[in-house]
mmCIF file of all heavy atoms, coordinates in Angstrom:
data_MODEL
# 
_entry.id   MODEL 
# 
loop_
_atom_site.group_PDB 
_atom_site.id 
_atom_site.type_symbol 
_atom_site.label_atom_id 
_atom_site.label_alt_id 
_atom_site.label_comp_id 
_atom_site.label_asym_id 
_atom_site.label_entity_id 
_atom_site.label_seq_id 
_atom_site.pdbx_PDB_ins_code 
_atom_site.Cartn_x 
_atom_site.Cartn_y 
_atom_site.Cartn_z 
_atom_site.occupancy 
_atom_site.B_iso_or_equiv 
_atom_site.pdbx_formal_charge 
_atom_site.auth_seq_id 
_atom_site.auth_comp_id 
_atom_site.auth_asym_id 
_atom_site.auth_atom_id 
_atom_site.pdbx_PDB_model_num 
ATOM 1   N N   . ALA A 1 1  ? -42.855 -2.385  -39.877 1.00 0.00 ? 1  ALA A N   1 
ATOM 2   C CA  . ALA A 1 1  ? -42.871 -1.709  -38.575 1.00 0.00 ? 1  ALA A CA  1 
ATOM 3   C C   . ALA A 1 1  ? -41.467 -1.331  -38.123 1.00 0.00 ? 1  ALA A C   1 
ATOM 4   O O   . ALA A 1 1  ? -41.296 -0.420  -37.303 1.00 0.00 ? 1  ALA A O   1 
ATOM 5   C CB  . ALA A 1 1  ? -43.550 -2.592  -37.538 1.00 0.00 ? 1  ALA A CB  1 
ATOM 6   N N   . ALA A 1 2  ? -40.445 -2.029  -38.644 1.00 0.00 ? 2  ALA A N   1 
ATOM 7   C CA  . ALA A 1 2  ? -39.050 -1.717  -38.344 1.00 0.00 ? 2  ALA A CA  1 
ATOM 8   C C   . ALA A 1 2  ? -38.495 -0.667  -39.303 1.00 0.00 ? 2  ALA A C   1 
ATOM 9   O O   . ALA A 1 2  ? -37.270 -0.502  -39.397 1.00 0.00 ? 2  ALA A O   1 
ATOM 10  C CB  . ALA A 1 2  ? -38.210 -2.984  -38.405 1.00 0.00 ? 2  ALA A CB  1 
ATOM 11  N N   . ASP A 1 3  ? -39.388 0.023   -40.022 1.00 0.00 ? 3  ASP A N   1 
ATOM 12  C CA  . ASP A 1 3  ? -39.016 1.090   -40.959 1.00 0.00 ? 3  ASP A CA  1 
ATOM 13  C C   . ASP A 1 3  ? -38.164 0.582   -42.111 1.00 0.00 ? 3  ASP A C   1 
ATOM 14  O O   . ASP A 1 3  ? -37.238 1.256   -42.580 1.00 0.00 ? 3  ASP A O   1 
ATOM 15  C CB  . ASP A 1 3  ? -38.289 2.237   -40.233 1.00 0.00 ? 3  ASP A CB  1 
ATOM 16  C CG  . ASP A 1 3  ? -39.204 2.980   -39.274 1.00 0.00 ? 3  ASP A CG  1 
ATOM 17  O OD1 . ASP A 1 3  ? -40.411 3.083   -39.574 1.00 0.00 ? 3  ASP A OD1 1 
ATOM 18  O OD2 . ASP A 1 3  ? -38.712 3.429   -38.223 1.00 0.00 ? 3  ASP A OD2 1 
ATOM 19  N N   . LYS A 1 4  ? -38.486 -0.636  -42.562 1.00 0.00 ? 4  LYS A N   1 
ATOM 20  C CA  . LYS A 1 4  ? -37.825 -1.189  -43.742 1.00 0.00 ? 4  LYS A CA  1 
ATOM 21  C C   . LYS A 1 4  ? -38.901 -1.474  -44.791 1.00 0.00 ? 4  LYS A C   1 
ATOM 22  O O   . LYS A 1 4  ? -39.942 -2.050  -44.478 1.00 0.00 ? 4  LYS A O   1 
ATOM 23  C CB  . LYS A 1 4  ? -37.074 -2.484  -43.397 1.00 0.00 ? 4  LYS A CB  1 
ATOM 24  C CG  . LYS A 1 4  ? -35.938 -2.287  -42.402 1.00 0.00 ? 4  LYS A CG  1 
ATOM 25  C CD  . LYS A 1 4  ? -35.213 -3.591  -42.132 1.00 0.00 ? 4  LYS A CD  1 
ATOM 26  C CE  . LYS A 1 4  ? -34.069 -3.384  -41.137 1.00 0.00 ? 4  LYS A CE  1 
ATOM 27  N NZ  . LYS A 1 4  ? -33.312 -4.633  -40.890 1.00 0.00 ? 4  LYS A NZ  1 
ATOM 28  N N   . PRO A 1 5  ? -38.670 -1.063  -46.044 1.00 0.00 ? 5  PRO A N   1 
ATOM 29  C CA  . PRO A 1 5  ? -39.692 -1.286  -47.070 1.00 0.00 ? 5  PRO A CA  1 
ATOM 30  C C   . PRO A 1 5  ? -39.752 -2.736  -47.527 1.00 0.00 ? 5  PRO A C   1 
ATOM 31  O O   . PRO A 1 5  ? -38.782 -3.492  -47.409 1.00 0.00 ? 5  PRO A O   1 
ATOM 32  C CB  . PRO A 1 5  ? -39.239 -0.371  -48.215 1.00 0.00 ? 5  PRO A CB  1 
ATOM 33  C CG  . PRO A 1 5  ? -37.755 -0.263  -48.038 1.00 0.00 ? 5  PRO A CG  1 
ATOM 34  C CD  . PRO A 1 5  ? -37.501 -0.333  -46.553 1.00 0.00 ? 5  PRO A CD  1 
ATOM 35  N N   . VAL A 1 6  ? -40.914 -3.101  -48.036 1.00 0.00 ? 6  VAL A N   1 
ATOM 36  C CA  . VAL A 1 6  ? -41.121 -4.414  -48.654 1.00 0.00 ? 6  VAL A CA  1 
ATOM 37  C C   . VAL A 1 6  ? -41.576 -4.168  -50.091 1.00 0.00 ? 6  VAL A C   1 
ATOM 38  O O   . VAL A 1 6  ? -42.559 -3.467  -50.330 1.00 0.00 ? 6  VAL A O   1 
ATOM 39  C CB  . VAL A 1 6  ? -42.174 -5.237  -47.894 1.00 0.00 ? 6  VAL A CB  1 
ATOM 40  C CG1 . VAL A 1 6  ? -42.448 -6.557  -48.623 1.00 0.00 ? 6  VAL A CG1 1 
ATOM 41  C CG2 . VAL A 1 6  ? -41.726 -5.500  -46.457 1.00 0.00 ? 6  VAL A CG2 1 
ATOM 42  N N   . PHE A 1 7  ? -40.837 -4.728  -51.053 1.00 0.00 ? 7  PHE A N   1 
ATOM 43  C CA  . PHE A 1 7  ? -41.161 -4.568  -52.468 1.00 0.00 ? 7  PHE A CA  1 
ATOM 44  C C   . PHE A 1 7  ? -41.671 -5.896  -53.019 1.00 0.00 ? 7  PHE A C   1 
ATOM 45  O O   . PHE A 1 7  ? -41.143 -6.964  -52.678 1.00 0.00 ? 7  PHE A O   1 
ATOM 46  C CB  . PHE A 1 7  ? -39.924 -4.139  -53.265 1.00 0.00 ? 7  PHE A CB  1 
ATOM 47  C CG  . PHE A 1 7  ? -39.361 -2.808  -52.862 1.00 0.00 ? 7  PHE A CG  1 
ATOM 48  C CD1 . PHE A 1 7  ? -38.311 -2.724  -51.953 1.00 0.00 ? 7  PHE A CD1 1 
ATOM 49  C CD2 . PHE A 1 7  ? -39.872 -1.632  -53.398 1.00 0.00 ? 7  PHE A CD2 1 
ATOM 50  C CE1 . PHE A 1 7  ? -37.784 -1.504  -51.578 1.00 0.00 ? 7  PHE A CE1 1 
ATOM 51  C CE2 . PHE A 1 7  ? -39.349 -0.397  -53.040 1.00 0.00 ? 7  PHE A CE2 1 
ATOM 52  C CZ  . PHE A 1 7  ? -38.309 -0.334  -52.119 1.00 0.00 ? 7  PHE A CZ  1 
ATOM 53  N N   . ALA A 1 8  ? -42.697 -5.826  -53.873 1.00 0.00 ? 8  ALA A N   1 
ATOM 54  C CA  . ALA A 1 8  ? -43.231 -7.033  -54.506 1.00 0.00 ? 8  ALA A CA  1 
ATOM 55  C C   . ALA A 1 8  ? -43.273 -6.834  -56.011 1.00 0.00 ? 8  ALA A C   1 
ATOM 56  O O   . ALA A 1 8  ? -43.627 -5.750  -56.496 1.00 0.00 ? 8  ALA A O   1 
ATOM 57  C CB  . ALA A 1 8  ? -44.622 -7.353  -53.980 1.00 0.00 ? 8  ALA A CB  1 
ATOM 58  N N   . TYR A 1 9  ? -42.916 -7.892  -56.747 1.00 0.00 ? 9  TYR A N   1 
ATOM 59  C CA  . TYR A 1 9  ? -42.947 -7.847  -58.214 1.00 0.00 ? 9  TYR A CA  1 
ATOM 60  C C   . TYR A 1 9  ? -43.489 -9.169  -58.734 1.00 0.00 ? 9  TYR A C   1 
ATOM 61  O O   . TYR A 1 9  ? -43.204 -10.244 -58.198 1.00 0.00 ? 9  TYR A O   1 
ATOM 62  C CB  . TYR A 1 9  ? -41.546 -7.622  -58.777 1.00 0.00 ? 9  TYR A CB  1 
ATOM 63  C CG  . TYR A 1 9  ? -41.500 -7.732  -60.294 1.00 0.00 ? 9  TYR A CG  1 
ATOM 64  C CD1 . TYR A 1 9  ? -41.811 -6.630  -61.093 1.00 0.00 ? 9  TYR A CD1 1 
ATOM 65  C CD2 . TYR A 1 9  ? -41.186 -8.941  -60.918 1.00 0.00 ? 9  TYR A CD2 1 
ATOM 66  C CE1 . TYR A 1 9  ? -41.782 -6.731  -62.481 1.00 0.00 ? 9  TYR A CE1 1 
ATOM 67  C CE2 . TYR A 1 9  ? -41.164 -9.046  -62.304 1.00 0.00 ? 9  TYR A CE2 1 
ATOM 68  C CZ  . TYR A 1 9  ? -41.466 -7.941  -63.077 1.00 0.00 ? 9  TYR A CZ  1 
ATOM 69  O OH  . TYR A 1 9  ? -41.459 -8.032  -64.439 1.00 0.00 ? 9  TYR A OH  1 
ATOM 70  N N   . ALA A 1 10 ? -44.301 -9.079  -59.804 1.00 0.00 ? 10 ALA A N   1 
ATOM 71  C CA  . ALA A 1 10 ? -44.767 -10.277 -60.503 1.00 0.00 ? 10 ALA A CA  1 
ATOM 72  C C   . ALA A 1 10 ? -45.192 -9.896  -61.902 1.00 0.00 ? 10 ALA A C   1 
ATOM 73  O O   . ALA A 1 10 ? -45.501 -8.726  -62.195 1.00 0.00 ? 10 ALA A O   1 
ATOM 74  C CB  . ALA A 1 10 ? -45.915 -10.944 -59.758 1.00 0.00 ? 10 ALA A CB  1 
ATOM 75  N N   . LEU A 1 11 ? -45.216 -10.874 -62.757 1.00 0.00 ? 11 LEU A N   1 
ATOM 76  C CA  . LEU A 1 11 ? -45.754 -10.675 -64.094 1.00 0.00 ? 11 LEU A CA  1 
ATOM 77  C C   . LEU A 1 11 ? -47.278 -10.768 -64.065 1.00 0.00 ? 11 LEU A C   1 
ATOM 78  O O   . LEU A 1 11 ? -47.965 -10.095 -64.816 1.00 0.00 ? 11 LEU A O   1 
ATOM 79  C CB  . LEU A 1 11 ? -45.172 -11.713 -65.054 1.00 0.00 ? 11 LEU A CB  1 
ATOM 80  C CG  . LEU A 1 11 ? -45.488 -11.567 -66.543 1.00 0.00 ? 11 LEU A CG  1 
ATOM 81  C CD1 . LEU A 1 11 ? -45.056 -10.202 -67.057 1.00 0.00 ? 11 LEU A CD1 1 
ATOM 82  C CD2 . LEU A 1 11 ? -44.806 -12.680 -67.327 1.00 0.00 ? 11 LEU A CD2 1 
ATOM 83  N N   . ALA A 1 12 ? -47.797 -11.616 -63.160 1.00 0.00 ? 12 ALA A N   1 
ATOM 84  C CA  . ALA A 1 12 ? -49.243 -11.763 -63.018 1.00 0.00 ? 12 ALA A CA  1 
ATOM 85  C C   . ALA A 1 12 ? -49.564 -12.087 -61.560 1.00 0.00 ? 12 ALA A C   1 
ATOM 86  O O   . ALA A 1 12 ? -48.854 -12.875 -60.924 1.00 0.00 ? 12 ALA A O   1 
ATOM 87  C CB  . ALA A 1 12 ? -49.760 -12.868 -63.934 1.00 0.00 ? 12 ALA A CB  1 
ATOM 88  N N   . TYR A 1 13 ? -50.635 -11.496 -61.061 1.00 0.00 ? 13 TYR A N   1 
ATOM 89  C CA  . TYR A 1 13 ? -51.073 -11.718 -59.690 1.00 0.00 ? 13 TYR A CA  1 
ATOM 90  C C   . TYR A 1 13 ? -52.407 -12.459 -59.688 1.00 0.00 ? 13 TYR A C   1 
ATOM 91  O O   . TYR A 1 13 ? -53.336 -12.092 -60.416 1.00 0.00 ? 13 TYR A O   1 
ATOM 92  C CB  . TYR A 1 13 ? -51.253 -10.388 -58.941 1.00 0.00 ? 13 TYR A CB  1 
ATOM 93  C CG  . TYR A 1 13 ? -49.958 -9.674  -58.619 1.00 0.00 ? 13 TYR A CG  1 
ATOM 94  C CD1 . TYR A 1 13 ? -49.434 -8.728  -59.491 1.00 0.00 ? 13 TYR A CD1 1 
ATOM 95  C CD2 . TYR A 1 13 ? -49.271 -9.944  -57.448 1.00 0.00 ? 13 TYR A CD2 1 
ATOM 96  C CE1 . TYR A 1 13 ? -48.251 -8.061  -59.199 1.00 0.00 ? 13 TYR A CE1 1 
ATOM 97  C CE2 . TYR A 1 13 ? -48.088 -9.289  -57.139 1.00 0.00 ? 13 TYR A CE2 1 
ATOM 98  C CZ  . TYR A 1 13 ? -47.582 -8.344  -58.017 1.00 0.00 ? 13 TYR A CZ  1 
ATOM 99  O OH  . TYR A 1 13 ? -46.408 -7.690  -57.722 1.00 0.00 ? 13 TYR A OH  1 
ATOM 100 N N   . ALA A 1 14 ? -52.497 -13.497 -58.857 1.00 0.00 ? 14 ALA A N   1 
ATOM 101 C CA  . ALA A 1 14 ? -53.759 -14.185 -58.601 1.00 0.00 ? 14 ALA A CA  1 
ATOM 102 C C   . ALA A 1 14 ? -54.060 -14.060 -57.109 1.00 0.00 ? 14 ALA A C   1 
ATOM 103 O O   . ALA A 1 14 ? -53.418 -13.294 -56.385 1.00 0.00 ? 14 ALA A O   1 
ATOM 104 C CB  . ALA A 1 14 ? -53.684 -15.643 -59.040 1.00 0.00 ? 14 ALA A CB  1 
ATOM 105 N N   . ASP A 1 15 ? -55.029 -14.821 -56.636 1.00 0.00 ? 15 ASP A N   1 
ATOM 106 C CA  . ASP A 1 15 ? -55.496 -14.679 -55.252 1.00 0.00 ? 15 ASP A CA  1 
ATOM 107 C C   . ASP A 1 15 ? -54.371 -14.812 -54.235 1.00 0.00 ? 15 ASP A C   1 
ATOM 108 O O   . ASP A 1 15 ? -54.212 -13.963 -53.346 1.00 0.00 ? 15 ASP A O   1 
ATOM 109 C CB  . ASP A 1 15 ? -56.579 -15.723 -54.954 1.00 0.00 ? 15 ASP A CB  1 
ATOM 110 C CG  . ASP A 1 15 ? -57.785 -15.593 -55.865 1.00 0.00 ? 15 ASP A CG  1 
ATOM 111 O OD1 . ASP A 1 15 ? -57.597 -15.300 -57.059 1.00 0.00 ? 15 ASP A OD1 1 
ATOM 112 O OD2 . ASP A 1 15 ? -58.910 -15.809 -55.393 1.00 0.00 ? 15 ASP A OD2 1 
ATOM 113 N N   . ASP A 1 16 ? -53.582 -15.893 -54.344 1.00 0.00 ? 16 ASP A N   1 
ATOM 114 C CA  . ASP A 1 16 ? -52.521 -16.132 -53.357 1.00 0.00 ? 16 ASP A CA  1 
ATOM 115 C C   . ASP A 1 16 ? -51.415 -15.087 -53.465 1.00 0.00 ? 16 ASP A C   1 
ATOM 116 O O   . ASP A 1 16 ? -50.841 -14.668 -52.451 1.00 0.00 ? 16 ASP A O   1 
ATOM 117 C CB  . ASP A 1 16 ? -51.935 -17.531 -53.543 1.00 0.00 ? 16 ASP A CB  1 
ATOM 118 C CG  . ASP A 1 16 ? -52.908 -18.624 -53.116 1.00 0.00 ? 16 ASP A CG  1 
ATOM 119 O OD1 . ASP A 1 16 ? -53.964 -18.287 -52.544 1.00 0.00 ? 16 ASP A OD1 1 
ATOM 120 O OD2 . ASP A 1 16 ? -52.626 -19.812 -53.372 1.00 0.00 ? 16 ASP A OD2 1 
ATOM 121 N N   . HIS A 1 17 ? -51.102 -14.671 -54.693 1.00 0.00 ? 17 HIS A N   1 
ATOM 122 C CA  . HIS A 1 17 ? -50.109 -13.617 -54.864 1.00 0.00 ? 17 HIS A CA  1 
ATOM 123 C C   . HIS A 1 17 ? -50.531 -12.347 -54.122 1.00 0.00 ? 17 HIS A C   1 
ATOM 124 O O   . HIS A 1 17 ? -49.728 -11.688 -53.460 1.00 0.00 ? 17 HIS A O   1 
ATOM 125 C CB  . HIS A 1 17 ? -49.932 -13.272 -56.353 1.00 0.00 ? 17 HIS A CB  1 
ATOM 126 C CG  . HIS A 1 17 ? -49.475 -14.392 -57.221 1.00 0.00 ? 17 HIS A CG  1 
ATOM 127 N ND1 . HIS A 1 17 ? -50.288 -15.450 -57.558 1.00 0.00 ? 17 HIS A ND1 1 
ATOM 128 C CD2 . HIS A 1 17 ? -48.290 -14.617 -57.870 1.00 0.00 ? 17 HIS A CD2 1 
ATOM 129 C CE1 . HIS A 1 17 ? -49.636 -16.271 -58.353 1.00 0.00 ? 17 HIS A CE1 1 
ATOM 130 N NE2 . HIS A 1 17 ? -48.416 -15.798 -58.552 1.00 0.00 ? 17 HIS A NE2 1 
ATOM 131 N N   . MET A 1 18 ? -51.826 -12.011 -54.255 1.00 0.00 ? 18 MET A N   1 
ATOM 132 C CA  . MET A 1 18 ? -52.305 -10.760 -53.679 1.00 0.00 ? 18 MET A CA  1 
ATOM 133 C C   . MET A 1 18 ? -52.277 -10.780 -52.159 1.00 0.00 ? 18 MET A C   1 
ATOM 134 O O   . MET A 1 18 ? -52.087 -9.740  -51.522 1.00 0.00 ? 18 MET A O   1 
ATOM 135 C CB  . MET A 1 18 ? -53.714 -10.452 -54.165 1.00 0.00 ? 18 MET A CB  1 
ATOM 136 C CG  . MET A 1 18 ? -53.792 -9.891  -55.573 1.00 0.00 ? 18 MET A CG  1 
ATOM 137 S SD  . MET A 1 18 ? -52.706 -8.457  -55.856 1.00 0.00 ? 18 MET A SD  1 
ATOM 138 C CE  . MET A 1 18 ? -53.213 -7.367  -54.516 1.00 0.00 ? 18 MET A CE  1 
ATOM 139 N N   . VAL A 1 19 ? -52.465 -11.956 -51.545 1.00 0.00 ? 19 VAL A N   1 
ATOM 140 C CA  . VAL A 1 19 ? -52.402 -12.029 -50.085 1.00 0.00 ? 19 VAL A CA  1 
ATOM 141 C C   . VAL A 1 19 ? -51.032 -11.573 -49.603 1.00 0.00 ? 19 VAL A C   1 
ATOM 142 O O   . VAL A 1 19 ? -50.913 -10.793 -48.647 1.00 0.00 ? 19 VAL A O   1 
ATOM 143 C CB  . VAL A 1 19 ? -52.713 -13.453 -49.587 1.00 0.00 ? 19 VAL A CB  1 
ATOM 144 C CG1 . VAL A 1 19 ? -52.499 -13.543 -48.081 1.00 0.00 ? 19 VAL A CG1 1 
ATOM 145 C CG2 . VAL A 1 19 ? -54.143 -13.838 -49.928 1.00 0.00 ? 19 VAL A CG2 1 
ATOM 146 N N   . LEU A 1 20 ? -49.965 -12.034 -50.271 1.00 0.00 ? 20 LEU A N   1 
ATOM 147 C CA  . LEU A 1 20 ? -48.614 -11.619 -49.881 1.00 0.00 ? 20 LEU A CA  1 
ATOM 148 C C   . LEU A 1 20 ? -48.327 -10.188 -50.316 1.00 0.00 ? 20 LEU A C   1 
ATOM 149 O O   . LEU A 1 20 ? -47.812 -9.380  -49.539 1.00 0.00 ? 20 LEU A O   1 
ATOM 150 C CB  . LEU A 1 20 ? -47.582 -12.569 -50.492 1.00 0.00 ? 20 LEU A CB  1 
ATOM 151 C CG  . LEU A 1 20 ? -47.567 -14.007 -49.979 1.00 0.00 ? 20 LEU A CG  1 
ATOM 152 C CD1 . LEU A 1 20 ? -46.456 -14.800 -50.658 1.00 0.00 ? 20 LEU A CD1 1 
ATOM 153 C CD2 . LEU A 1 20 ? -47.390 -14.055 -48.473 1.00 0.00 ? 20 LEU A CD2 1 
ATOM 154 N N   . ALA A 1 21 ? -48.663 -9.859  -51.564 1.00 0.00 ? 21 ALA A N   1 
ATOM 155 C CA  . ALA A 1 21 ? -48.326 -8.542  -52.100 1.00 0.00 ? 21 ALA A CA  1 
ATOM 156 C C   . ALA A 1 21 ? -49.054 -7.425  -51.363 1.00 0.00 ? 21 ALA A C   1 
ATOM 157 O O   . ALA A 1 21 ? -48.554 -6.290  -51.302 1.00 0.00 ? 21 ALA A O   1 
ATOM 158 C CB  . ALA A 1 21 ? -48.659 -8.484  -53.587 1.00 0.00 ? 21 ALA A CB  1 
ATOM 159 N N   . SER A 1 22 ? -50.216 -7.719  -50.788 1.00 0.00 ? 22 SER A N   1 
ATOM 160 C CA  . SER A 1 22 ? -50.967 -6.671  -50.089 1.00 0.00 ? 22 SER A CA  1 
ATOM 161 C C   . SER A 1 22 ? -50.208 -6.131  -48.883 1.00 0.00 ? 22 SER A C   1 
ATOM 162 O O   . SER A 1 22 ? -50.520 -5.042  -48.391 1.00 0.00 ? 22 SER A O   1 
ATOM 163 C CB  . SER A 1 22 ? -52.330 -7.216  -49.645 1.00 0.00 ? 22 SER A CB  1 
ATOM 164 O OG  . SER A 1 22 ? -52.192 -8.256  -48.694 1.00 0.00 ? 22 SER A OG  1 
ATOM 165 N N   . HIS A 1 23 ? -49.205 -6.870  -48.411 1.00 0.00 ? 23 HIS A N   1 
ATOM 166 C CA  . HIS A 1 23 ? -48.413 -6.424  -47.255 1.00 0.00 ? 23 HIS A CA  1 
ATOM 167 C C   . HIS A 1 23 ? -47.168 -5.638  -47.680 1.00 0.00 ? 23 HIS A C   1 
ATOM 168 O O   . HIS A 1 23 ? -46.382 -5.230  -46.818 1.00 0.00 ? 23 HIS A O   1 
ATOM 169 C CB  . HIS A 1 23 ? -47.998 -7.622  -46.408 1.00 0.00 ? 23 HIS A CB  1 
ATOM 170 C CG  . HIS A 1 23 ? -49.139 -8.313  -45.740 1.00 0.00 ? 23 HIS A CG  1 
ATOM 171 N ND1 . HIS A 1 23 ? -49.597 -7.975  -44.495 1.00 0.00 ? 23 HIS A ND1 1 
ATOM 172 C CD2 . HIS A 1 23 ? -49.946 -9.315  -46.165 1.00 0.00 ? 23 HIS A CD2 1 
ATOM 173 C CE1 . HIS A 1 23 ? -50.618 -8.745  -44.166 1.00 0.00 ? 23 HIS A CE1 1 
ATOM 174 N NE2 . HIS A 1 23 ? -50.849 -9.564  -45.167 1.00 0.00 ? 23 HIS A NE2 1 
ATOM 175 N N   . ALA A 1 24 ? -46.985 -5.440  -48.975 1.00 0.00 ? 24 ALA A N   1 
ATOM 176 C CA  . ALA A 1 24 ? -45.783 -4.754  -49.463 1.00 0.00 ? 24 ALA A CA  1 
ATOM 177 C C   . ALA A 1 24 ? -45.965 -3.243  -49.432 1.00 0.00 ? 24 ALA A C   1 
ATOM 178 O O   . ALA A 1 24 ? -47.076 -2.722  -49.547 1.00 0.00 ? 24 ALA A O   1 
ATOM 179 C CB  . ALA A 1 24 ? -45.454 -5.225  -50.872 1.00 0.00 ? 24 ALA A CB  1 
ATOM 180 N N   . SER A 1 25 ? -44.848 -2.531  -49.313 1.00 0.00 ? 25 SER A N   1 
ATOM 181 C CA  . SER A 1 25 ? -44.861 -1.070  -49.396 1.00 0.00 ? 25 SER A CA  1 
ATOM 182 C C   . SER A 1 25 ? -45.120 -0.616  -50.825 1.00 0.00 ? 25 SER A C   1 
ATOM 183 O O   . SER A 1 25 ? -45.821 0.375   -51.051 1.00 0.00 ? 25 SER A O   1 
ATOM 184 C CB  . SER A 1 25 ? -43.511 -0.507  -48.928 1.00 0.00 ? 25 SER A CB  1 
ATOM 185 O OG  . SER A 1 25 ? -43.054 -1.135  -47.769 1.00 0.00 ? 25 SER A OG  1 
ATOM 186 N N   . GLU A 1 26 ? -44.527 -1.327  -51.793 1.00 0.00 ? 26 GLU A N   1 
ATOM 187 C CA  . GLU A 1 26 ? -44.731 -1.040  -53.208 1.00 0.00 ? 26 GLU A CA  1 
ATOM 188 C C   . GLU A 1 26 ? -44.983 -2.347  -53.937 1.00 0.00 ? 26 GLU A C   1 
ATOM 189 O O   . GLU A 1 26 ? -44.219 -3.304  -53.790 1.00 0.00 ? 26 GLU A O   1 
ATOM 190 C CB  . GLU A 1 26 ? -43.511 -0.347  -53.824 1.00 0.00 ? 26 GLU A CB  1 
ATOM 191 C CG  . GLU A 1 26 ? -43.319 1.088   -53.412 1.00 0.00 ? 26 GLU A CG  1 
ATOM 192 C CD  . GLU A 1 26 ? -42.165 1.751   -54.164 1.00 0.00 ? 26 GLU A CD  1 
ATOM 193 O OE1 . GLU A 1 26 ? -41.814 1.265   -55.265 1.00 0.00 ? 26 GLU A OE1 1 
ATOM 194 O OE2 . GLU A 1 26 ? -41.603 2.729   -53.630 1.00 0.00 ? 26 GLU A OE2 1 
ATOM 195 N N   . VAL A 1 27 ? -46.051 -2.362  -54.731 1.00 0.00 ? 27 VAL A N   1 
ATOM 196 C CA  . VAL A 1 27 ? -46.405 -3.543  -55.521 1.00 0.00 ? 27 VAL A CA  1 
ATOM 197 C C   . VAL A 1 27 ? -46.238 -3.192  -56.992 1.00 0.00 ? 27 VAL A C   1 
ATOM 198 O O   . VAL A 1 27 ? -46.887 -2.263  -57.492 1.00 0.00 ? 27 VAL A O   1 
ATOM 199 C CB  . VAL A 1 27 ? -47.840 -4.001  -55.240 1.00 0.00 ? 27 VAL A CB  1 
ATOM 200 C CG1 . VAL A 1 27 ? -48.164 -5.262  -56.039 1.00 0.00 ? 27 VAL A CG1 1 
ATOM 201 C CG2 . VAL A 1 27 ? -48.046 -4.262  -53.741 1.00 0.00 ? 27 VAL A CG2 1 
ATOM 202 N N   . TRP A 1 28 ? -45.380 -3.933  -57.665 1.00 0.00 ? 28 TRP A N   1 
ATOM 203 C CA  . TRP A 1 28 ? -45.105 -3.708  -59.085 1.00 0.00 ? 28 TRP A CA  1 
ATOM 204 C C   . TRP A 1 28 ? -45.663 -4.866  -59.907 1.00 0.00 ? 28 TRP A C   1 
ATOM 205 O O   . TRP A 1 28 ? -45.630 -6.027  -59.479 1.00 0.00 ? 28 TRP A O   1 
ATOM 206 C CB  . TRP A 1 28 ? -43.601 -3.624  -59.341 1.00 0.00 ? 28 TRP A CB  1 
ATOM 207 C CG  . TRP A 1 28 ? -42.954 -2.343  -58.904 1.00 0.00 ? 28 TRP A CG  1 
ATOM 208 C CD1 . TRP A 1 28 ? -42.894 -1.839  -57.632 1.00 0.00 ? 28 TRP A CD1 1 
ATOM 209 C CD2 . TRP A 1 28 ? -42.254 -1.419  -59.733 1.00 0.00 ? 28 TRP A CD2 1 
ATOM 210 N NE1 . TRP A 1 28 ? -42.203 -0.666  -57.622 1.00 0.00 ? 28 TRP A NE1 1 
ATOM 211 C CE2 . TRP A 1 28 ? -41.790 -0.368  -58.896 1.00 0.00 ? 28 TRP A CE2 1 
ATOM 212 C CE3 . TRP A 1 28 ? -41.964 -1.368  -61.087 1.00 0.00 ? 28 TRP A CE3 1 
ATOM 213 C CZ2 . TRP A 1 28 ? -41.062 0.713   -59.386 1.00 0.00 ? 28 TRP A CZ2 1 
ATOM 214 C CZ3 . TRP A 1 28 ? -41.232 -0.301  -61.583 1.00 0.00 ? 28 TRP A CZ3 1 
ATOM 215 C CH2 . TRP A 1 28 ? -40.792 0.736   -60.734 1.00 0.00 ? 28 TRP A CH2 1 
ATOM 216 N N   . VAL A 1 29 ? -46.146 -4.540  -61.104 1.00 0.00 ? 29 VAL A N   1 
ATOM 217 C CA  . VAL A 1 29 ? -46.533 -5.563  -62.061 1.00 0.00 ? 29 VAL A CA  1 
ATOM 218 C C   . VAL A 1 29 ? -45.972 -5.183  -63.419 1.00 0.00 ? 29 VAL A C   1 
ATOM 219 O O   . VAL A 1 29 ? -45.898 -3.993  -63.765 1.00 0.00 ? 29 VAL A O   1 
ATOM 220 C CB  . VAL A 1 29 ? -48.075 -5.736  -62.129 1.00 0.00 ? 29 VAL A CB  1 
ATOM 221 C CG1 . VAL A 1 29 ? -48.743 -4.513  -62.751 1.00 0.00 ? 29 VAL A CG1 1 
ATOM 222 C CG2 . VAL A 1 29 ? -48.448 -6.986  -62.911 1.00 0.00 ? 29 VAL A CG2 1 
ATOM 223 N N   . ASP A 1 30 ? -45.557 -6.173  -64.172 1.00 0.00 ? 30 ASP A N   1 
ATOM 224 C CA  . ASP A 1 30 ? -45.047 -5.930  -65.515 1.00 0.00 ? 30 ASP A CA  1 
ATOM 225 C C   . ASP A 1 30 ? -46.164 -5.347  -66.389 1.00 0.00 ? 30 ASP A C   1 
ATOM 226 O O   . ASP A 1 30 ? -47.321 -5.733  -66.277 1.00 0.00 ? 30 ASP A O   1 
ATOM 227 C CB  . ASP A 1 30 ? -44.532 -7.239  -66.119 1.00 0.00 ? 30 ASP A CB  1 
ATOM 228 C CG  . ASP A 1 30 ? -43.705 -7.019  -67.362 1.00 0.00 ? 30 ASP A CG  1 
ATOM 229 O OD1 . ASP A 1 30 ? -44.301 -6.738  -68.420 1.00 0.00 ? 30 ASP A OD1 1 
ATOM 230 O OD2 . ASP A 1 30 ? -42.470 -7.140  -67.284 1.00 0.00 ? 30 ASP A OD2 1 
# 
C-alpha cells in the first residue's frame, strides 16, 4: 500500500509458504 514491492522466492512452496507468498507482488520459484 506504500507503493513498495514485495518479492518472494523459494525452491518449494507448501501451505504455510503460500500464505506468506500470496501477499507478494512477485512470487518466484526455482
